[in-house]
């Protein structure tokens, strides 16, 4: 979680991308909040892995509303796309 928090918008994005995919089994509020924030990363792989993790977690309606209210259109579309797949996509 700390790797994602500290590196989601870093030039060295690879650790954050891996962290975003590994957090899928942790349905803690702080994890969900961090993944939502990471969906705004400038690194595409961090964004998409965060969206995949959130979709696979079957997050709460509150989290879905928070994502939908985002000013980041790509984050919203990435999450919705992953959610429509059932969160079963392979991580990149």
Protein backbone atom coordinates (compact mmCIF):
# COMPACT_ATOMS: atom_id res chain seq x y z
CA UNK A 1 0.00 0.00 0.00
CA UNK A 2 2.82 2.39 0.89
CA UNK A 3 4.53 1.68 -2.44
CA UNK A 4 1.39 2.70 -4.29
CA UNK A 5 0.79 5.74 -2.09
CA UNK A 6 4.35 6.98 -2.50
CA UNK A 7 4.89 6.18 -6.18
CA UNK A 8 1.57 6.30 -8.04
CA UNK A 9 2.53 9.50 -9.85
CA UNK A 10 6.28 8.95 -9.97
CA UNK A 11 8.45 8.71 -13.06
CA UNK A 12 9.42 5.30 -11.67
CA UNK A 13 5.87 3.94 -11.99
CA UNK A 14 6.57 0.19 -12.25
CA UNK A 15 6.48 -0.53 -8.48
CA UNK A 16 3.19 1.33 -8.20
CA UNK A 17 1.68 -0.63 -11.10
CA UNK A 18 2.62 -3.92 -9.42
CA UNK A 19 1.36 -2.68 -6.05
CA UNK A 20 -1.98 -1.64 -7.58
CA UNK A 21 -2.52 -5.14 -8.93
CA UNK A 22 -1.43 -6.85 -5.71
CA UNK A 23 -3.91 -4.94 -3.53
CA UNK A 24 -6.95 -6.62 -5.06
CA UNK A 25 -7.34 -9.02 -2.10
CA UNK A 26 -7.35 -6.27 0.53
CA UNK A 27 -10.85 -4.81 0.84
CA UNK A 28 -9.93 -2.20 3.39
CA UNK A 29 -11.30 1.35 3.13
CA UNK A 30 -7.80 2.86 2.97
CA UNK A 31 -6.84 0.50 0.12
CA UNK A 32 -9.94 1.46 -1.87
CA UNK A 33 -9.27 5.17 -1.31
CA UNK A 34 -5.64 4.79 -2.40
CA UNK A 35 -6.61 2.84 -5.54
CA UNK A 36 -9.16 5.51 -6.45
CA UNK A 37 -6.48 8.18 -6.08
CA UNK A 38 -4.01 6.08 -8.11
CA UNK A 39 -6.47 5.99 -11.02
CA UNK A 40 -5.40 9.58 -11.66
CA UNK A 41 -1.74 8.63 -12.14
CA UNK A 42 0.11 9.92 -15.16
CA UNK A 43 1.24 6.32 -15.80
CA UNK A 44 -1.29 4.30 -17.81
CA UNK A 45 -0.34 0.96 -16.19
CA UNK A 46 -0.90 2.34 -12.69
CA UNK A 47 -4.29 3.68 -13.76
CA UNK A 48 -5.49 0.51 -15.43
CA UNK A 49 -4.23 -1.84 -12.69
CA UNK A 50 -5.94 0.34 -10.08
CA UNK A 51 -9.18 0.21 -12.06
CA UNK A 52 -8.88 -3.57 -12.44
CA UNK A 53 -8.31 -4.05 -8.73
CA UNK A 54 -11.27 -1.86 -7.81
CA UNK A 55 -13.53 -3.66 -10.30
CA UNK A 56 -12.47 -7.07 -9.00
CA UNK A 57 -13.06 -5.96 -5.39
CA UNK A 58 -16.73 -5.23 -6.07
CA UNK A 59 -16.40 -1.92 -4.22
CA UNK A 60 -19.23 -0.19 -2.37
CA UNK A 61 -21.75 2.12 -3.99
CA UNK A 62 -20.08 5.02 -2.15
CA UNK A 63 -16.75 4.21 -3.83
CA UNK A 64 -18.46 3.92 -7.21
CA UNK A 65 -20.06 7.34 -6.70
CA UNK A 66 -16.66 8.76 -5.74
CA UNK A 67 -15.11 7.37 -8.92
CA UNK A 68 -18.04 8.60 -11.04
CA UNK A 69 -17.74 12.09 -9.54
CA UNK A 70 -14.09 12.28 -10.59
CA UNK A 71 -13.02 15.01 -12.96
CA UNK A 72 -10.81 12.44 -14.68
CA UNK A 73 -12.85 11.05 -17.54
CA UNK A 74 -10.31 8.35 -18.33
CA UNK A 75 -10.40 7.05 -14.73
CA UNK A 76 -14.18 6.80 -14.86
CA UNK A 77 -14.15 5.07 -18.25
CA UNK A 78 -11.36 2.67 -17.24
CA UNK A 79 -13.24 1.64 -14.11
CA UNK A 80 -16.54 1.20 -15.95
CA UNK A 81 -14.83 -0.84 -18.65
CA UNK A 82 -13.20 -3.13 -16.12
CA UNK A 83 -16.41 -3.42 -14.13
CA UNK A 84 -18.32 -4.46 -17.24
CA UNK A 85 -15.76 -7.25 -17.77
CA UNK A 86 -16.43 -8.50 -14.27
CA UNK A 87 -12.93 -7.61 -13.04
CA UNK A 88 -11.51 -10.81 -14.49
CA UNK A 89 -8.95 -9.22 -16.83
CA UNK A 90 -5.27 -10.09 -16.55
CA UNK A 91 -3.16 -7.39 -14.92
CA UNK A 92 -0.53 -5.60 -17.01
